[in-house]
Amino acid sequence: MATQRDLVQDRWDEEWLELVDPKILLSLLQGRTKVFGKHQILKKALMTRAGQDQQVRPPGVEEFRIKLERLRASV
């Protein structure tokens, strides 16, 4: 029987965004880069950038934005 580790490793390349805890990931990134004082500041900077540039938005966020635009246009 496959262990939890094996199951995660088998899915990792395709599904890592769904498998990671984003808070832990941001904290680790901030800790390694030391560019921002806290992971919350890094999160704000990433969100601001995503708001300005559709190319860096996660697919789910961009899909949601498009749905909102269509809904707004239909009202």
PDB file of N, CA and C in Angstrom:
ATOM      1  N   MET A   1       0.840  -1.177   0.000  1.00  0.00           N
ATOM      2  CA  MET A   1       0.000   0.000   0.000  1.00  0.00           C
ATOM      3  C   MET A   1       0.892   1.249   0.000  1.00  0.00           C
ATOM      4  N   ALA A   2       0.501   2.243  -0.768  1.00  0.00           N
ATOM      5  CA  ALA A   2       1.279   3.473  -0.862  1.00  0.00           C
ATOM      6  C   ALA A   2       1.164   4.299   0.421  1.00  0.00           C
ATOM      7  N   THR A   3       2.254   4.891   0.810  1.00  0.00           N
ATOM      8  CA  THR A   3       2.235   5.757   1.989  1.00  0.00           C
ATOM      9  C   THR A   3       1.729   7.138   1.575  1.00  0.00           C
ATOM     10  N   GLN A   4       1.392   7.934   2.572  1.00  0.00           N
ATOM     11  CA  GLN A   4       0.956   9.320   2.302  1.00  0.00           C
ATOM     12  C   GLN A   4       2.019  10.061   1.512  1.00  0.00           C
ATOM     13  N   ARG A   5       3.272   9.870   1.888  1.00  0.00           N
ATOM     14  CA  ARG A   5       4.386  10.540   1.201  1.00  0.00           C
ATOM     15  C   ARG A   5       4.405  10.155  -0.280  1.00  0.00           C
ATOM     16  N   ASP A   6       4.232   8.872  -0.582  1.00  0.00           N
ATOM     17  CA  ASP A   6       4.213   8.404  -1.975  1.00  0.00           C
ATOM     18  C   ASP A   6       3.057   9.030  -2.740  1.00  0.00           C
ATOM     19  N   LEU A   7       1.895   9.096  -2.102  1.00  0.00           N
ATOM     20  CA  LEU A   7       0.723   9.678  -2.761  1.00  0.00           C
ATOM     21  C   LEU A   7       0.954  11.155  -3.089  1.00  0.00           C
ATOM     22  N   VAL A   8       1.527  11.888  -2.147  1.00  0.00           N
ATOM     23  CA  VAL A   8       1.800  13.306  -2.377  1.00  0.00           C
ATOM     24  C   VAL A   8       2.862  13.468  -3.457  1.00  0.00           C
ATOM     25  N   GLN A   9       3.930  12.682  -3.392  1.00  0.00           N
ATOM     26  CA  GLN A   9       4.999  12.792  -4.390  1.00  0.00           C
ATOM     27  C   GLN A   9       4.486  12.474  -5.790  1.00  0.00           C
ATOM     28  N   ASP A  10       3.589  11.521  -5.908  1.00  0.00           N
ATOM     29  CA  ASP A  10       3.027  11.175  -7.212  1.00  0.00           C
ATOM     30  C   ASP A  10       2.216  12.322  -7.806  1.00  0.00           C
ATOM     31  N   ARG A  11       1.601  13.116  -6.965  1.00  0.00           N
ATOM     32  CA  ARG A  11       0.748  14.215  -7.424  1.00  0.00           C
ATOM     33  C   ARG A  11       1.476  15.551  -7.474  1.00  0.00           C
ATOM     34  N   TRP A  12       2.658  15.636  -6.859  1.00  0.00           N
ATOM     35  CA  TRP A  12       3.324  16.919  -6.609  1.00  0.00           C
ATOM     36  C   TRP A  12       3.536  17.758  -7.864  1.00  0.00           C
ATOM     37  N   ASP A  13       4.113  17.225  -8.917  1.00  0.00           N
ATOM     38  CA  ASP A  13       4.435  18.022 -10.102  1.00  0.00           C
ATOM     39  C   ASP A  13       3.219  18.703 -10.713  1.00  0.00           C
ATOM     40  N   GLU A  14       2.107  18.031 -10.708  1.00  0.00           N
ATOM     41  CA  GLU A  14       0.890  18.572 -11.324  1.00  0.00           C
ATOM     42  C   GLU A  14       0.031  19.392 -10.363  1.00  0.00           C
ATOM     43  N   GLU A  15       0.067  19.057  -9.082  1.00  0.00           N
ATOM     44  CA  GLU A  15      -0.904  19.627  -8.148  1.00  0.00           C
ATOM     45  C   GLU A  15      -0.291  20.323  -6.940  1.00  0.00           C
ATOM     46  N   TRP A  16       0.968  20.740  -7.025  1.00  0.00           N
ATOM     47  CA  TRP A  16       1.617  21.290  -5.838  1.00  0.00           C
ATOM     48  C   TRP A  16       0.922  22.523  -5.295  1.00  0.00           C
ATOM     49  N   LEU A  17       0.295  23.319  -6.169  1.00  0.00           N
ATOM     50  CA  LEU A  17      -0.397  24.507  -5.667  1.00  0.00           C
ATOM     51  C   LEU A  17      -1.576  24.161  -4.775  1.00  0.00           C
ATOM     52  N   GLU A  18      -2.223  23.034  -5.057  1.00  0.00           N
ATOM     53  CA  GLU A  18      -3.341  22.602  -4.227  1.00  0.00           C
ATOM     54  C   GLU A  18      -2.871  21.864  -2.979  1.00  0.00           C
ATOM     55  N   LEU A  19      -1.664  21.345  -3.003  1.00  0.00           N
ATOM     56  CA  LEU A  19      -1.175  20.517  -1.909  1.00  0.00           C
ATOM     57  C   LEU A  19      -0.423  21.290  -0.826  1.00  0.00           C
ATOM     58  N   VAL A  20       0.056  22.483  -1.118  1.00  0.00           N
ATOM     59  CA  VAL A  20       0.835  23.226  -0.120  1.00  0.00           C
ATOM     60  C   VAL A  20      -0.069  24.105   0.728  1.00  0.00           C
ATOM     61  N   ASP A  21       0.397  24.407   1.904  1.00  0.00           N
ATOM     62  CA  ASP A  21      -0.269  25.374   2.768  1.00  0.00           C
ATOM     63  C   ASP A  21       0.305  26.742   2.401  1.00  0.00           C
ATOM     64  N   PRO A  22      -0.489  27.645   1.832  1.00  0.00           N
ATOM     65  CA  PRO A  22       0.052  28.919   1.349  1.00  0.00           C
ATOM     66  C   PRO A  22       0.689  29.777   2.437  1.00  0.00           C
ATOM     67  N   LYS A  23       0.170  29.716   3.660  1.00  0.00           N
ATOM     68  CA  LYS A  23       0.766  30.505   4.744  1.00  0.00           C
ATOM     69  C   LYS A  23       2.178  30.024   5.051  1.00  0.00           C
ATOM     70  N   ILE A  24       2.350  28.722   5.097  1.00  0.00           N
ATOM     71  CA  ILE A  24       3.675  28.168   5.366  1.00  0.00           C
ATOM     72  C   ILE A  24       4.613  28.479   4.199  1.00  0.00           C
ATOM     73  N   LEU A  25       4.115  28.347   2.983  1.00  0.00           N
ATOM     74  CA  LEU A  25       4.931  28.638   1.802  1.00  0.00           C
ATOM     75  C   LEU A  25       5.398  30.092   1.797  1.00  0.00           C
ATOM     76  N   LEU A  26       4.498  31.019   2.091  1.00  0.00           N
ATOM     77  CA  LEU A  26       4.873  32.433   2.137  1.00  0.00           C
ATOM     78  C   LEU A  26       5.886  32.699   3.249  1.00  0.00           C
ATOM     79  N   SER A  27       5.690  32.081   4.396  1.00  0.00           N
ATOM     80  CA  SER A  27       6.630  32.262   5.501  1.00  0.00           C
ATOM     81  C   SER A  27       8.015  31.737   5.134  1.00  0.00           C
ATOM     82  N   LEU A  28       8.074  30.577   4.489  1.00  0.00           N
ATOM     83  CA  LEU A  28       9.358  30.024   4.071  1.00  0.00           C
ATOM     84  C   LEU A  28      10.025  30.905   3.022  1.00  0.00           C
ATOM     85  N   LEU A  29       9.245  31.379   2.059  1.00  0.00           N
ATOM     86  CA  LEU A  29       9.786  32.256   1.022  1.00  0.00           C
ATOM     87  C   LEU A  29      10.329  33.544   1.631  1.00  0.00           C
ATOM     88  N   GLN A  30       9.558  34.145   2.508  1.00  0.00           N
ATOM     89  CA  GLN A  30       9.994  35.379   3.160  1.00  0.00           C
ATOM     90  C   GLN A  30      11.243  35.122   3.986  1.00  0.00           C
ATOM     91  N   GLY A  31      11.275  34.021   4.694  1.00  0.00           N
ATOM     92  CA  GLY A  31      12.425  33.692   5.524  1.00  0.00           C
ATOM     93  C   GLY A  31      13.699  33.475   4.733  1.00  0.00           C
ATOM     94  N   ARG A  32      13.563  32.930   3.537  1.00  0.00           N
ATOM     95  CA  ARG A  32      14.746  32.676   2.708  1.00  0.00           C
ATOM     96  C   ARG A  32      15.217  33.920   1.962  1.00  0.00           C
ATOM     97  N   THR A  33      14.295  34.780   1.580  1.00  0.00           N
ATOM     98  CA  THR A  33      14.688  35.957   0.802  1.00  0.00           C
ATOM     99  C   THR A  33      15.020  37.146   1.687  1.00  0.00           C
ATOM    100  N   LYS A  34      14.362  37.264   2.827  1.00  0.00           N
ATOM    101  CA  LYS A  34      14.555  38.376   3.775  1.00  0.00           C
ATOM    102  C   LYS A  34      14.307  39.746   3.138  1.00  0.00           C
ATOM    103  N   VAL A  35      13.523  39.791   2.053  1.00  0.00           N
ATOM    104  CA  VAL A  35      13.224  41.058   1.398  1.00  0.00           C
ATOM    105  C   VAL A  35      12.186  41.842   2.193  1.00  0.00           C
ATOM    106  N   PHE A  36      11.222  41.160   2.768  1.00  0.00           N
ATOM    107  CA  PHE A  36      10.160  41.794   3.532  1.00  0.00           C
ATOM    108  C   PHE A  36      10.274  41.381   4.991  1.00  0.00           C
ATOM    109  N   GLY A  37       9.841  42.253   5.878  1.00  0.00           N
ATOM    110  CA  GLY A  37       9.946  41.975   7.305  1.00  0.00           C
ATOM    111  C   GLY A  37       9.049  40.852   7.787  1.00  0.00           C
ATOM    112  N   LYS A  38       7.865  40.719   7.206  1.00  0.00           N
ATOM    113  CA  LYS A  38       6.904  39.706   7.622  1.00  0.00           C
ATOM    114  C   LYS A  38       6.269  39.095   6.388  1.00  0.00           C
ATOM    115  N   HIS A  39       5.761  37.857   6.538  1.00  0.00           N
ATOM    116  CA  HIS A  39       5.140  37.213   5.385  1.00  0.00           C
ATOM    117  C   HIS A  39       3.857  37.935   4.962  1.00  0.00           C
ATOM    118  N   GLN A  40       3.214  38.659   5.885  1.00  0.00           N
ATOM    119  CA  GLN A  40       2.003  39.400   5.534  1.00  0.00           C
ATOM    120  C   GLN A  40       2.336  40.539   4.549  1.00  0.00           C
ATOM    121  N   ILE A  41       3.496  41.142   4.719  1.00  0.00           N
ATOM    122  CA  ILE A  41       3.911  42.219   3.806  1.00  0.00           C
ATOM    123  C   ILE A  41       4.225  41.633   2.430  1.00  0.00           C
ATOM    124  N   LEU A  42       4.873  40.473   2.409  1.00  0.00           N
ATOM    125  CA  LEU A  42       5.130  39.787   1.139  1.00  0.00           C
ATOM    126  C   LEU A  42       3.816  39.449   0.448  1.00  0.00           C
ATOM    127  N   LYS A  43       2.840  38.950   1.215  1.00  0.00           N
ATOM    128  CA  LYS A  43       1.527  38.609   0.651  1.00  0.00           C
ATOM    129  C   LYS A  43       0.871  39.844   0.025  1.00  0.00           C
ATOM    130  N   LYS A  44       0.923  40.960   0.734  1.00  0.00           N
ATOM    131  CA  LYS A  44       0.338  42.201   0.212  1.00  0.00           C
ATOM    132  C   LYS A  44       1.031  42.627  -1.086  1.00  0.00           C
ATOM    133  N   ALA A  45       2.342  42.518  -1.129  1.00  0.00           N
ATOM    134  CA  ALA A  45       3.093  42.886  -2.333  1.00  0.00           C
ATOM    135  C   ALA A  45       2.721  41.972  -3.506  1.00  0.00           C
ATOM    136  N   LEU A  46       2.584  40.683  -3.246  1.00  0.00           N
ATOM    137  CA  LEU A  46       2.201  39.743  -4.310  1.00  0.00           C
ATOM    138  C   LEU A  46       0.776  40.009  -4.806  1.00  0.00           C
ATOM    139  N   MET A  47      -0.130  40.300  -3.884  1.00  0.00           N
ATOM    140  CA  MET A  47      -1.508  40.589  -4.264  1.00  0.00           C
ATOM    141  C   MET A  47      -1.599  41.887  -5.075  1.00  0.00           C
ATOM    142  N   THR A  48      -0.822  42.879  -4.668  1.00  0.00           N
ATOM    143  CA  THR A  48      -0.802  44.147  -5.410  1.00  0.00           C
ATOM    144  C   THR A  48      -0.306  43.914  -6.824  1.00  0.00           C
ATOM    145  N   ARG A  49       0.759  43.153  -6.957  1.00  0.00           N
ATOM    146  CA  ARG A  49       1.311  42.850  -8.292  1.00  0.00           C
ATOM    147  C   ARG A  49       0.300  42.080  -9.136  1.00  0.00           C
ATOM    148  N   ALA A  50      -0.352  41.110  -8.547  1.00  0.00           N
ATOM    149  CA  ALA A  50      -1.358  40.327  -9.281  1.00  0.00           C
ATOM    150  C   ALA A  50      -2.520  41.208  -9.718  1.00  0.00           C
ATOM    151  N   GLY A  51      -2.857  42.209  -8.912  1.00  0.00           N
ATOM    152  CA  GLY A  51      -3.926  43.129  -9.286  1.00  0.00           C
ATOM    153  C   GLY A  51      -3.558  44.005 -10.464  1.00  0.00           C
ATOM    154  N   GLN A  52      -2.273  44.239 -10.643  1.00  0.00           N
ATOM    155  CA  GLN A  52      -1.800  45.106 -11.723  1.00  0.00           C
ATOM    156  C   GLN A  52      -1.503  44.357 -13.016  1.00  0.00           C
ATOM    157  N   ASP A  53      -1.221  43.066 -12.926  1.00  0.00           N
ATOM    158  CA  ASP A  53      -0.757  42.319 -14.098  1.00  0.00           C
ATOM    159  C   ASP A  53      -1.454  40.974 -14.191  1.00  0.00           C
ATOM    160  N   GLN A  54      -2.301  40.822 -15.173  1.00  0.00           N
ATOM    161  CA  GLN A  54      -3.072  39.590 -15.338  1.00  0.00           C
ATOM    162  C   GLN A  54      -2.163  38.387 -15.602  1.00  0.00           C
ATOM    163  N   GLN A  55      -0.979  38.600 -16.133  1.00  0.00           N
ATOM    164  CA  GLN A  55      -0.057  37.493 -16.441  1.00  0.00           C
ATOM    165  C   GLN A  55       0.423  36.758 -15.190  1.00  0.00           C
ATOM    166  N   VAL A  56       0.416  37.423 -14.046  1.00  0.00           N
ATOM    167  CA  VAL A  56       0.920  36.786 -12.822  1.00  0.00           C
ATOM    168  C   VAL A  56      -0.191  36.331 -11.883  1.00  0.00           C
ATOM    169  N   ARG A  57      -1.429  36.511 -12.279  1.00  0.00           N
ATOM    170  CA  ARG A  57      -2.554  36.069 -11.441  1.00  0.00           C
ATOM    171  C   ARG A  57      -2.715  34.559 -11.528  1.00  0.00           C
ATOM    172  N   PRO A  58      -3.018  33.937 -10.402  1.00  0.00           N
ATOM    173  CA  PRO A  58      -3.348  32.505 -10.461  1.00  0.00           C
ATOM    174  C   PRO A  58      -4.584  32.309 -11.335  1.00  0.00           C
ATOM    175  N   PRO A  59      -4.654  31.203 -12.073  1.00  0.00           N
ATOM    176  CA  PRO A  59      -5.779  30.971 -12.984  1.00  0.00           C
ATOM    177  C   PRO A  59      -7.140  31.110 -12.321  1.00  0.00           C
ATOM    178  N   GLY A  60      -7.312  30.617 -11.125  1.00  0.00           N
ATOM    179  CA  GLY A  60      -8.604  30.709 -10.447  1.00  0.00           C
ATOM    180  C   GLY A  60      -9.018  32.135 -10.174  1.00  0.00           C
ATOM    181  N   VAL A  61      -8.069  32.985  -9.845  1.00  0.00           N
ATOM    182  CA  VAL A  61      -8.366  34.393  -9.575  1.00  0.00           C
ATOM    183  C   VAL A  61      -8.779  35.096 -10.863  1.00  0.00           C
ATOM    184  N   GLU A  62      -8.078  34.829 -11.934  1.00  0.00           N
ATOM    185  CA  GLU A  62      -8.413  35.456 -13.215  1.00  0.00           C
ATOM    186  C   GLU A  62      -9.775  34.971 -13.715  1.00  0.00           C
ATOM    187  N   GLU A  63     -10.067  33.695 -13.564  1.00  0.00           N
ATOM    188  CA  GLU A  63     -11.376  33.173 -13.951  1.00  0.00           C
ATOM    189  C   GLU A  63     -12.484  33.851 -13.150  1.00  0.00           C
ATOM    190  N   PHE A  64     -12.271  34.030 -11.856  1.00  0.00           N
ATOM    191  CA  PHE A  64     -13.238  34.700 -11.002  1.00  0.00           C
ATOM    192  C   PHE A  64     -13.437  36.152 -11.438  1.00  0.00           C
ATOM    193  N   ARG A  65     -12.350  36.843 -11.771  1.00  0.00           N
ATOM    194  CA  ARG A  65     -12.439  38.230 -12.227  1.00  0.00           C
ATOM    195  C   ARG A  65     -13.275  38.330 -13.504  1.00  0.00           C
ATOM    196  N   ILE A  66     -13.064  37.397 -14.424  1.00  0.00           N
ATOM    197  CA  ILE A  66     -13.815  37.390 -15.682  1.00  0.00           C
ATOM    198  C   ILE A  66     -15.298  37.154 -15.413  1.00  0.00           C
ATOM    199  N   LYS A  67     -15.626  36.232 -14.521  1.00  0.00           N
ATOM    200  CA  LYS A  67     -17.021  35.972 -14.165  1.00  0.00           C
ATOM    201  C   LYS A  67     -17.670  37.221 -13.562  1.00  0.00           C
ATOM    202  N   LEU A  68     -16.949  37.877 -12.691  1.00  0.00           N
ATOM    203  CA  LEU A  68     -17.467  39.118 -12.083  1.00  0.00           C
ATOM    204  C   LEU A  68     -17.702  40.188 -13.148  1.00  0.00           C
ATOM    205  N   GLU A  69     -16.784  40.332 -14.086  1.00  0.00           N
ATOM    206  CA  GLU A  69     -16.940  41.305 -15.163  1.00  0.00           C
ATOM    207  C   GLU A  69     -18.179  41.001 -16.009  1.00  0.00           C
ATOM    208  N   ARG A  70     -18.370  39.733 -16.340  1.00  0.00           N
ATOM    209  CA  ARG A  70     -19.563  39.332 -17.122  1.00  0.00           C
ATOM    210  C   ARG A  70     -20.837  39.615 -16.355  1.00  0.00           C
ATOM    211  N   LEU A  71     -20.822  39.310 -15.061  1.00  0.00           N
ATOM    212  CA  LEU A  71     -21.990  39.557 -14.227  1.00  0.00           C
ATOM    213  C   LEU A  71     -22.293  41.041 -14.150  1.00  0.00           C
ATOM    214  N   ARG A  72     -21.266  41.830 -13.963  1.00  0.00           N
ATOM    215  CA  ARG A  72     -21.437  43.295 -13.883  1.00  0.00           C
ATOM    216  C   ARG A  72     -21.966  43.853 -15.203  1.00  0.00           C
ATOM    217  N   ALA A  73     -21.477  43.323 -16.311  1.00  0.00           N
ATOM    218  CA  ALA A  73     -21.917  43.799 -17.627  1.00  0.00           C
ATOM    219  C   ALA A  73     -23.363  43.431 -17.917  1.00  0.00           C
ATOM    220  N   SER A  74     -23.841  42.358 -17.311  1.00  0.00           N
ATOM    221  CA  SER A  74     -25.218  41.907 -17.590  1.00  0.00           C
ATOM    222  C   SER A  74     -26.253  42.638 -16.739  1.00  0.00           C
ATOM    223  N   VAL A  75     -25.826  43.403 -15.759  1.00  0.00           N
ATOM    224  CA  VAL A  75     -26.766  44.100 -14.864  1.00  0.00           C
ATOM    225  C   VAL A  75     -27.142  45.447 -15.433  1.00  0.00           C
TER     226      VAL A  75
END
